[in-house]
Amino acid sequence: MGAFFMPLAARASGRRVAAIDWAVLETALALGVVPVAATELIQFRKIVVEPEVPESVADIGLRGTPNYELLRTLAPDLILSSNFYEGQRGSLERIAPVFSVPVYVPGTPPYALAEEATRALGKALGYETEAESLIAESADQIAGLRRALAEYADRPVFVVSIGDARHFRAFGADSMPGDVLARLGFENAWQDATSYSAAAPVGIEALARVAEASLVIVSPVPPEARWTLGESALWKALPMVREGRVATIEPVNHFGGLPSARRFARLFGEAMFERKATANG
């Protein structure tokens, strides 16, 4: 997978770490590692949200095309990446050694890969105890929510992001939301193929294929789509819309690690509890 594992004593040496990939960035932050630099931090703070990124972390631009000159100036001695950015390895390695782990592989549920990536990152940075704690706490949280949500898992669920008023992307089994959904004990209403994260945009009418399903929308929803959907006869005719089985949750990193898995699980659980309370009220 192009992974490069290098045991490092991060605490002892005060290593300067830079992060290209958001999954490894959020994982490093969750372990207590503060990078000197990372990519697209304005968007990260809006979409990933947690863990918080300290203001001391320099923004080196886009994940796909980071500012190499600025990165070189910041002089990291390790660059954290993933299999998504293997095409940049040569350029990055001219600045510092690269540590790369796979989290998303086509057709493979990513949660177990995220656990492996967390363990590998903890070993590489000298945060093995913190990594094992993060893995265990994440599993415990999801298991606890599965028990708490058991009575709510009475129907399949679509988990989607809205592209515009006529199209959505569905999260399947090889996405983090889809994998966590299954771990929470819910059936995914989207059974068609996906790749890495979500299916290619499909028409809103496809939601009618599973009339008994609930719908969870992962923010952000484009403002124009929100307004148009509210006025759409097709949208209003969907069984889950008519019967109040729709919830919108805050943003979650579509390509995240264990922190994003935990965030999705928590937000999904809150949405299910709130929907049930509303229905009973």
Protein backbone atom coordinates (compact mmCIF):
# COMPACT_ATOMS: atom_id res chain seq x y z
CA MET A 1 0.00 0.00 0.00
CA GLY A 2 3.02 2.27 -0.09
CA ALA A 3 3.13 2.57 3.71
CA PHE A 4 6.39 3.75 5.21
CA PHE A 5 6.79 2.81 8.85
CA MET A 6 9.59 4.31 10.86
CA PRO A 7 9.71 4.02 14.67
CA LEU A 8 10.30 7.47 16.07
CA ALA A 9 10.52 8.83 19.59
CA ALA A 10 8.41 11.92 19.00
CA ARG A 11 8.35 13.05 22.63
CA ALA A 12 12.03 12.55 23.23
CA SER A 13 13.21 14.35 20.14
CA GLY A 14 10.50 17.01 19.80
CA ARG A 15 9.92 16.02 16.18
CA ARG A 16 8.40 18.54 13.81
CA VAL A 17 5.51 16.79 12.05
CA ALA A 18 3.54 18.02 9.04
CA ALA A 19 0.27 16.42 7.87
CA ILE A 20 -1.02 16.27 4.30
CA ASP A 21 -3.97 13.90 4.78
CA TRP A 22 -6.94 14.84 7.00
CA ALA A 23 -7.47 11.33 8.41
CA VAL A 24 -3.92 11.18 9.74
CA LEU A 25 -4.12 14.82 10.86
CA GLU A 26 -7.23 14.23 12.97
CA THR A 27 -5.72 11.01 14.33
CA ALA A 28 -2.46 12.71 15.27
CA LEU A 29 -4.37 15.48 17.04
CA ALA A 30 -6.46 12.89 18.90
CA LEU A 31 -3.24 11.28 20.10
CA GLY A 32 -2.00 14.61 21.42
CA VAL A 33 0.45 15.35 18.60
CA VAL A 34 0.37 18.96 17.36
CA PRO A 35 1.85 19.27 13.85
CA VAL A 36 3.82 22.31 12.77
CA ALA A 37 1.87 22.36 9.50
CA ALA A 38 -1.20 20.84 7.85
CA THR A 39 -3.42 21.33 4.80
CA GLU A 40 -6.69 23.21 4.20
CA LEU A 41 -7.21 24.16 7.82
CA ILE A 42 -10.08 26.57 7.17
CA GLN A 43 -12.08 23.73 5.59
CA PHE A 44 -10.82 21.24 8.17
CA ARG A 45 -12.26 23.37 10.96
CA LYS A 46 -15.61 23.56 9.13
CA ILE A 47 -15.91 19.95 7.97
CA VAL A 48 -13.87 17.84 10.38
CA VAL A 49 -14.46 20.12 13.38
CA GLU A 50 -12.94 17.82 15.97
CA PRO A 51 -10.30 17.44 17.25
CA GLU A 52 -9.63 21.17 17.27
CA VAL A 53 -6.55 22.42 15.45
CA PRO A 54 -4.36 24.75 17.53
CA GLU A 55 -3.72 28.16 16.01
CA SER A 56 0.00 27.39 16.06
CA VAL A 57 -0.41 24.95 13.14
CA ALA A 58 0.55 26.57 9.83
CA ASP A 59 -1.76 26.12 6.84
CA ILE A 60 0.23 24.88 3.83
CA GLY A 61 -2.61 24.98 1.31
CA LEU A 62 -4.45 22.28 -0.62
CA ARG A 63 -4.10 18.60 0.15
CA GLY A 64 -3.55 17.82 -3.52
CA THR A 65 -1.09 20.64 -4.11
CA PRO A 66 0.50 21.80 -0.86
CA ASN A 67 2.81 24.79 -0.77
CA TYR A 68 6.17 22.99 -0.98
CA GLU A 69 8.17 26.17 -0.50
CA LEU A 70 6.36 26.99 2.76
CA LEU A 71 6.60 23.38 3.88
CA ARG A 72 10.33 23.39 3.28
CA THR A 73 10.65 26.64 5.24
CA LEU A 74 8.83 25.09 8.19
CA ALA A 75 11.39 22.27 8.16
CA PRO A 76 9.38 19.25 9.31
CA ASP A 77 11.34 16.09 9.94
CA LEU A 78 8.37 13.82 9.23
CA ILE A 79 5.42 14.23 6.84
CA LEU A 80 2.21 12.32 7.54
CA SER A 81 0.30 11.19 4.47
CA SER A 82 -1.96 8.42 3.14
CA ASN A 83 -2.39 6.24 0.09
CA PHE A 84 -4.42 9.05 -1.51
CA TYR A 85 -1.26 11.13 -1.96
CA GLU A 86 1.29 8.57 -3.10
CA GLY A 87 1.72 10.56 -6.30
CA GLN A 88 3.30 13.32 -4.21
CA ARG A 89 5.70 11.06 -2.31
CA GLY A 90 8.75 11.97 -4.42
CA SER A 91 8.23 15.71 -3.98
CA LEU A 92 7.50 15.36 -0.27
CA GLU A 93 10.50 13.13 0.39
CA ARG A 94 12.78 15.86 -0.94
CA ILE A 95 11.69 17.80 2.15
CA ALA A 96 11.41 15.08 4.83
CA PRO A 97 10.72 11.36 5.28
CA VAL A 98 7.10 10.40 4.59
CA PHE A 99 4.91 8.22 6.81
CA SER A 100 1.94 6.96 4.78
CA VAL A 101 -0.90 4.65 5.79
CA PRO A 102 -3.94 3.36 3.87
CA VAL A 103 -7.36 4.07 5.37
CA TYR A 104 -9.58 3.91 2.29
CA VAL A 105 -9.36 0.99 -0.14
CA PRO A 106 -12.08 0.35 -2.76
CA GLY A 107 -14.65 -2.17 -1.56
CA THR A 108 -13.17 -2.43 1.94
CA PRO A 109 -14.99 -1.12 5.03
CA PRO A 110 -12.53 1.43 6.45
CA TYR A 111 -13.01 1.22 10.21
CA ALA A 112 -10.55 -1.66 10.74
CA LEU A 113 -8.05 0.09 8.45
CA ALA A 114 -8.45 3.23 10.57
CA GLU A 115 -7.63 1.17 13.66
CA GLU A 116 -4.51 -0.19 11.98
CA ALA A 117 -3.52 3.31 10.87
CA THR A 118 -3.97 4.63 14.41
CA ARG A 119 -1.81 1.86 15.84
CA ALA A 120 0.88 2.40 13.20
CA LEU A 121 0.86 6.17 13.71
CA GLY A 122 1.12 5.75 17.47
CA LYS A 123 4.12 3.46 17.02
CA ALA A 124 5.77 5.83 14.57
CA LEU A 125 5.38 8.86 16.82
CA GLY A 126 6.03 7.22 20.17
CA TYR A 127 2.38 7.49 21.26
CA GLU A 128 1.56 3.80 21.40
CA THR A 129 -0.34 3.98 24.70
CA GLU A 130 -2.48 6.87 23.42
CA ALA A 131 -3.15 4.98 20.18
CA GLU A 132 -4.36 1.88 22.01
CA SER A 133 -6.55 4.06 24.22
CA LEU A 134 -8.09 5.78 21.19
CA ILE A 135 -8.79 2.42 19.55
CA ALA A 136 -10.36 0.97 22.70
CA GLU A 137 -12.38 4.09 23.56
CA SER A 138 -13.74 4.32 20.00
CA ALA A 139 -14.81 0.67 20.03
CA ASP A 140 -16.41 1.09 23.46
CA GLN A 141 -18.31 4.22 22.38
CA ILE A 142 -19.72 2.54 19.29
CA ALA A 143 -20.60 -0.64 21.22
CA GLY A 144 -22.37 1.44 23.87
CA LEU A 145 -24.33 3.34 21.25
CA ARG A 146 -25.26 0.10 19.53
CA ARG A 147 -26.83 -1.13 22.76
CA ALA A 148 -28.57 2.19 23.41
CA LEU A 149 -29.90 2.39 19.85
CA ALA A 150 -31.04 -1.22 19.54
CA GLU A 151 -34.73 -0.34 19.86
CA TYR A 152 -34.38 2.33 17.14
CA ALA A 153 -32.80 0.02 14.55
CA ASP A 154 -36.20 -1.07 13.31
CA ARG A 155 -35.82 0.12 9.73
CA PRO A 156 -33.00 0.64 7.18
CA VAL A 157 -31.30 4.02 6.92
CA PHE A 158 -29.98 6.04 3.99
CA VAL A 159 -26.97 8.16 4.96
CA VAL A 160 -26.37 10.78 2.28
CA SER A 161 -24.85 14.10 1.39
CA ILE A 162 -26.90 16.48 -0.74
CA GLY A 163 -25.30 17.82 -3.89
CA ASP A 164 -28.17 19.92 -5.18
CA ALA A 165 -31.97 19.90 -5.05
CA ARG A 166 -32.17 16.91 -7.40
CA HIS A 167 -29.17 14.76 -6.49
CA PHE A 168 -27.52 13.09 -3.51
CA ARG A 169 -24.53 10.87 -2.78
CA ALA A 170 -25.17 7.75 -0.70
CA PHE A 171 -22.65 6.39 1.77
CA GLY A 172 -22.15 2.67 1.25
CA ALA A 173 -20.37 -0.12 3.10
CA ASP A 174 -16.86 1.04 2.16
CA SER A 175 -17.40 4.53 3.57
CA MET A 176 -16.78 5.42 7.20
CA PRO A 177 -20.42 6.45 7.81
CA GLY A 178 -21.59 3.23 6.16
CA ASP A 179 -19.20 1.07 8.17
CA VAL A 180 -20.13 2.77 11.45
CA LEU A 181 -23.83 2.50 10.58
CA ALA A 182 -23.43 -1.27 10.36
CA ARG A 183 -21.43 -1.37 13.60
CA LEU A 184 -24.29 0.48 15.29
CA GLY A 185 -26.63 -2.32 14.23
CA PHE A 186 -28.50 -0.53 11.43
CA GLU A 187 -29.15 -1.81 7.93
CA ASN A 188 -27.85 0.46 5.20
CA ALA A 189 -30.69 1.21 2.79
CA TRP A 190 -28.13 1.87 0.04
CA GLN A 191 -27.06 -1.51 -1.31
CA ASP A 192 -25.61 -0.46 -4.66
CA ALA A 193 -21.87 -0.24 -5.24
CA THR A 194 -19.84 2.65 -3.87
CA SER A 195 -16.18 3.56 -4.09
CA TYR A 196 -14.23 4.76 -1.05
CA SER A 197 -16.90 7.07 0.29
CA ALA A 198 -20.15 7.68 -1.50
CA ALA A 199 -21.88 6.67 -4.71
CA ALA A 200 -21.83 9.01 -7.68
CA PRO A 201 -24.68 11.53 -7.62
CA VAL A 202 -28.07 9.92 -8.17
CA GLY A 203 -31.54 11.40 -8.45
CA ILE A 204 -33.56 12.16 -5.34
CA GLU A 205 -36.25 9.78 -6.64
CA ALA A 206 -33.89 6.86 -5.84
CA LEU A 207 -34.73 7.37 -2.16
CA ALA A 208 -38.21 6.02 -2.89
CA ARG A 209 -36.76 2.58 -3.68
CA VAL A 210 -36.75 1.73 0.04
CA ALA A 211 -39.99 3.34 1.14
CA GLU A 212 -39.70 2.22 4.76
CA ALA A 213 -36.20 3.69 5.24
CA SER A 214 -35.17 6.63 7.37
CA LEU A 215 -32.89 9.30 5.93
CA VAL A 216 -29.89 10.94 7.60
CA ILE A 217 -28.35 13.88 5.74
CA VAL A 218 -24.75 14.79 6.53
CA SER A 219 -24.19 18.55 6.37
CA PRO A 220 -23.40 20.85 4.77
CA VAL A 221 -26.47 21.17 2.56
CA PRO A 222 -26.08 23.87 -0.13
CA PRO A 223 -28.40 26.77 0.77
CA GLU A 224 -30.10 26.73 -2.65
CA ALA A 225 -30.73 22.98 -2.31
CA ARG A 226 -32.20 23.41 1.15
CA TRP A 227 -34.67 26.00 -0.14
CA THR A 228 -35.56 24.14 -3.32
CA LEU A 229 -36.06 20.81 -1.55
CA GLY A 230 -38.49 22.47 0.81
CA GLU A 231 -40.60 23.49 -2.19
CA SER A 232 -40.17 20.30 -4.21
CA ALA A 233 -43.27 18.16 -4.77
CA LEU A 234 -41.04 15.13 -5.40
CA TRP A 235 -39.21 15.64 -2.10
CA LYS A 236 -42.45 16.12 -0.17
CA ALA A 237 -43.85 12.94 -1.73
CA LEU A 238 -41.04 10.73 -0.41
CA PRO A 239 -42.40 8.45 2.36
CA MET A 240 -39.57 9.30 4.79
CA VAL A 241 -40.23 13.02 4.30
CA ARG A 242 -44.01 12.71 4.66
CA GLU A 243 -43.65 10.62 7.80
CA GLY A 244 -40.93 12.67 9.49
CA ARG A 245 -38.13 10.12 9.16
CA VAL A 246 -35.48 12.63 8.03
CA ALA A 247 -32.68 14.06 10.15
CA THR A 248 -29.80 16.39 9.29
CA ILE A 249 -26.58 16.11 11.26
CA GLU A 250 -23.54 18.37 11.48
CA PRO A 251 -20.59 17.88 9.09
CA VAL A 252 -18.41 14.77 9.32
CA ASN A 253 -15.18 14.15 7.44
CA HIS A 254 -16.09 11.73 4.62
CA PHE A 255 -12.51 10.43 4.53
CA GLY A 256 -11.74 10.48 8.24
CA GLY A 257 -10.16 8.15 10.76
CA LEU A 258 -11.36 7.03 14.17
CA PRO A 259 -12.14 10.57 15.38
CA SER A 260 -14.56 11.00 12.45
CA ALA A 261 -16.03 7.55 13.09
CA ARG A 262 -16.73 8.54 16.69
CA ARG A 263 -18.17 11.89 15.65
CA PHE A 264 -20.52 10.28 13.14
CA ALA A 265 -21.62 7.66 15.67
CA ARG A 266 -22.40 10.31 18.27
CA LEU A 267 -24.25 12.63 15.88
CA PHE A 268 -26.18 9.74 14.33
CA GLY A 269 -27.18 8.52 17.79
CA GLU A 270 -28.35 11.98 18.82
CA ALA A 271 -30.41 12.24 15.62
CA MET A 272 -32.08 8.88 16.27
CA PHE A 273 -32.87 9.74 19.89
CA GLU A 274 -34.28 13.12 18.85
CA ARG A 275 -36.40 11.63 16.05
CA LYS A 276 -37.87 9.04 18.40
CA ALA A 277 -38.56 11.67 21.07
CA THR A 278 -40.29 13.89 18.49
CA ALA A 279 -42.38 10.98 17.24
CA ASN A 280 -43.41 10.08 20.79
CA GLY A 281 -44.12 13.71 21.68
